[in-house]
Amino acid sequence: MSITSKIYPFLWFDGQAEEAAEFYVSIFQNARIVHVEKITTGPAEGDAVVEFELDGQRFGAVDGGPMYSFTPAVSFVIECETQAEIDYYWERLSAGGRTQPCGWLVDKFGLSWQVIPAGLGEIMEPAPKEVMAALLEMTKVDIAALRRAAEG
């Protein structure tokens, strides 16, 4: 995998950075742990700094302690080509976490994800109000139901 961007997300965990990276890498097909460095001194001694890749996107993670936690103000979007792909990511990422409306979920580490169909704007184009109303009724997105809403 070749990383081309010098900007990447860096995630703060409380003693779970390596576990979280392993969890994410187990879900994404094109993924790997690049480097794990154990913290040898200070309050996070024995914890880790981790670099990993998911589908070509570089991530960093650190065990920084309990003073910060994730909020839905930042989330990661997964655009899926098929319902099977939505179902795959939804099932795995929501395991141990919680689901939310409109394709949002919070994983077991507290990180927010949006699992949506690729081309959602195109699906909404013919009937934006109707499609949005259908979307607001869903947790996991159902592509066929969105298309039915678009058709009236």
Protein backbone atom coordinates (compact mmCIF):
# COMPACT_ATOMS: atom_id res chain seq x y z
CA MET A 1 0.00 0.00 0.00
CA SER A 2 1.29 3.40 -0.87
CA ILE A 3 0.27 6.36 1.23
CA THR A 4 0.20 9.63 -0.67
CA SER A 5 -1.34 12.07 1.81
CA LYS A 6 0.72 13.75 4.48
CA ILE A 7 -2.48 14.54 6.41
CA TYR A 8 -4.03 11.68 8.37
CA PRO A 9 -6.29 11.14 11.39
CA PHE A 10 -4.61 10.51 14.73
CA LEU A 11 -6.89 8.91 17.32
CA TRP A 12 -6.64 9.17 21.13
CA PHE A 13 -7.49 6.07 23.16
CA ASP A 14 -7.34 5.18 26.83
CA GLY A 15 -5.24 2.01 26.82
CA GLN A 16 -6.93 0.51 23.74
CA ALA A 17 -4.99 1.88 20.74
CA GLU A 18 -3.46 -1.43 19.71
CA GLU A 19 -6.71 -3.37 20.32
CA ALA A 20 -8.67 -0.81 18.30
CA ALA A 21 -6.19 -0.89 15.41
CA GLU A 22 -6.37 -4.70 15.34
CA PHE A 23 -10.19 -4.51 15.36
CA TYR A 24 -10.32 -2.06 12.43
CA VAL A 25 -7.69 -3.99 10.46
CA SER A 26 -9.74 -7.18 10.92
CA ILE A 27 -12.76 -5.52 9.28
CA PHE A 28 -11.28 -3.83 6.24
CA GLN A 29 -10.03 -6.02 3.39
CA ASN A 30 -7.11 -3.83 2.37
CA ALA A 31 -5.68 -3.09 5.81
CA ARG A 32 -2.62 -3.61 7.95
CA ILE A 33 -0.83 -2.56 11.10
CA VAL A 34 2.25 -0.66 9.98
CA HIS A 35 4.02 -0.08 13.29
CA VAL A 36 3.47 -0.48 17.02
CA GLU A 37 5.71 1.35 19.44
CA LYS A 38 5.36 0.60 23.12
CA ILE A 39 5.45 3.60 25.44
CA THR A 40 8.34 2.98 27.83
CA THR A 41 7.93 5.79 30.34
CA GLY A 42 5.41 8.17 31.82
CA PRO A 43 1.74 7.76 32.71
CA ALA A 44 1.00 5.63 29.62
CA GLU A 45 3.96 3.27 30.18
CA GLY A 46 3.22 -0.14 28.68
CA ASP A 47 0.62 1.27 26.30
CA ALA A 48 1.26 1.99 22.62
CA VAL A 49 1.45 4.35 19.69
CA VAL A 50 0.15 2.58 16.58
CA GLU A 51 0.23 3.35 12.87
CA PHE A 52 -2.20 1.42 10.67
CA GLU A 53 -3.85 1.60 7.26
CA LEU A 54 -7.45 0.98 6.26
CA ASP A 55 -8.13 0.74 2.55
CA GLY A 56 -5.10 2.90 1.79
CA GLN A 57 -5.91 5.54 4.44
CA ARG A 58 -3.21 6.03 7.06
CA PHE A 59 -4.25 6.34 10.73
CA GLY A 60 -2.35 6.94 13.92
CA ALA A 61 -3.48 5.96 17.40
CA VAL A 62 -2.10 6.64 20.84
CA ASP A 63 -2.91 5.49 24.34
CA GLY A 64 -3.09 8.96 25.79
CA GLY A 65 -5.25 8.34 28.85
CA PRO A 66 -8.81 9.08 29.94
CA MET A 67 -8.86 12.86 29.55
CA TYR A 68 -10.27 12.87 25.99
CA SER A 69 -12.95 10.81 24.29
CA PHE A 70 -14.53 10.63 20.86
CA THR A 71 -17.70 12.50 19.94
CA PRO A 72 -19.89 12.33 16.83
CA ALA A 73 -18.48 15.75 15.88
CA VAL A 74 -15.89 13.74 13.92
CA SER A 75 -16.80 10.56 12.10
CA PHE A 76 -15.50 8.37 9.31
CA VAL A 77 -17.65 7.75 6.24
CA ILE A 78 -17.68 4.42 4.40
CA GLU A 79 -19.30 4.70 0.97
CA CYS A 80 -20.61 1.30 -0.07
CA GLU A 81 -21.46 0.12 -3.58
CA THR A 82 -23.96 -2.58 -2.54
CA GLN A 83 -26.37 -3.46 0.24
CA ALA A 84 -24.17 -6.46 1.07
CA GLU A 85 -21.25 -4.10 1.64
CA ILE A 86 -23.37 -1.85 3.89
CA ASP A 87 -24.51 -4.92 5.82
CA TYR A 88 -20.91 -6.16 6.20
CA TYR A 89 -19.50 -2.94 7.65
CA TRP A 90 -22.62 -2.21 9.70
CA GLU A 91 -22.62 -5.61 11.41
CA ARG A 92 -18.93 -5.58 12.22
CA LEU A 93 -18.44 -1.96 13.26
CA SER A 94 -21.60 -1.79 15.37
CA ALA A 95 -20.79 -5.01 17.29
CA GLY A 96 -20.39 -3.98 20.91
CA GLY A 97 -21.26 -0.37 20.08
CA ARG A 98 -24.55 1.35 19.32
CA THR A 99 -26.50 2.27 16.22
CA GLN A 100 -27.90 5.67 15.38
CA PRO A 101 -30.21 7.08 12.69
CA CYS A 102 -29.25 7.67 9.05
CA GLY A 103 -26.48 5.10 8.77
CA TRP A 104 -24.48 6.36 11.76
CA LEU A 105 -23.04 4.06 14.40
CA VAL A 106 -20.64 4.30 17.29
CA ASP A 107 -18.22 1.38 17.54
CA LYS A 108 -17.16 -0.32 20.77
CA PHE A 109 -14.30 2.17 21.17
CA GLY A 110 -16.60 5.19 20.88
CA LEU A 111 -15.59 6.17 17.34
CA SER A 112 -18.42 7.33 15.03
CA TRP A 113 -18.88 5.95 11.53
CA GLN A 114 -21.35 6.62 8.73
CA VAL A 115 -22.06 3.61 6.53
CA ILE A 116 -23.84 4.94 3.47
CA PRO A 117 -24.41 4.07 -0.16
CA ALA A 118 -21.99 5.49 -2.71
CA GLY A 119 -23.91 8.02 -4.77
CA LEU A 120 -26.37 8.91 -2.02
CA GLY A 121 -26.76 12.37 -3.56
CA GLU A 122 -27.81 10.79 -6.86
CA ILE A 123 -30.36 8.59 -5.09
CA MET A 124 -31.78 11.68 -3.36
CA GLU A 125 -31.85 13.88 -6.47
CA PRO A 126 -35.30 12.97 -7.87
CA ALA A 127 -37.14 13.33 -4.53
CA PRO A 128 -34.91 14.80 -1.80
CA LYS A 129 -37.65 15.29 0.81
CA GLU A 130 -39.05 11.78 0.40
CA VAL A 131 -35.63 10.14 0.44
CA MET A 132 -34.54 12.17 3.46
CA ALA A 133 -37.74 11.22 5.29
CA ALA A 134 -37.02 7.54 4.56
CA LEU A 135 -33.39 7.93 5.61
CA LEU A 136 -34.39 9.51 8.92
CA GLU A 137 -36.49 6.43 9.72
CA MET A 138 -33.54 4.06 9.23
CA THR A 139 -30.61 3.10 11.38
CA LYS A 140 -28.77 0.81 8.93
CA VAL A 141 -29.34 2.22 5.45
CA ASP A 142 -31.50 0.18 3.08
CA ILE A 143 -30.60 1.15 -0.50
CA ALA A 144 -33.71 -0.43 -2.04
CA ALA A 145 -35.99 1.47 0.38
CA LEU A 146 -34.23 4.74 -0.48
CA ARG A 147 -34.71 4.05 -4.20
CA ARG A 148 -38.40 3.27 -3.63
CA ALA A 149 -38.76 6.57 -1.78
CA ALA A 150 -37.06 8.36 -4.68
CA GLU A 151 -39.52 6.81 -7.14
CA GLY A 152 -42.49 7.99 -5.08
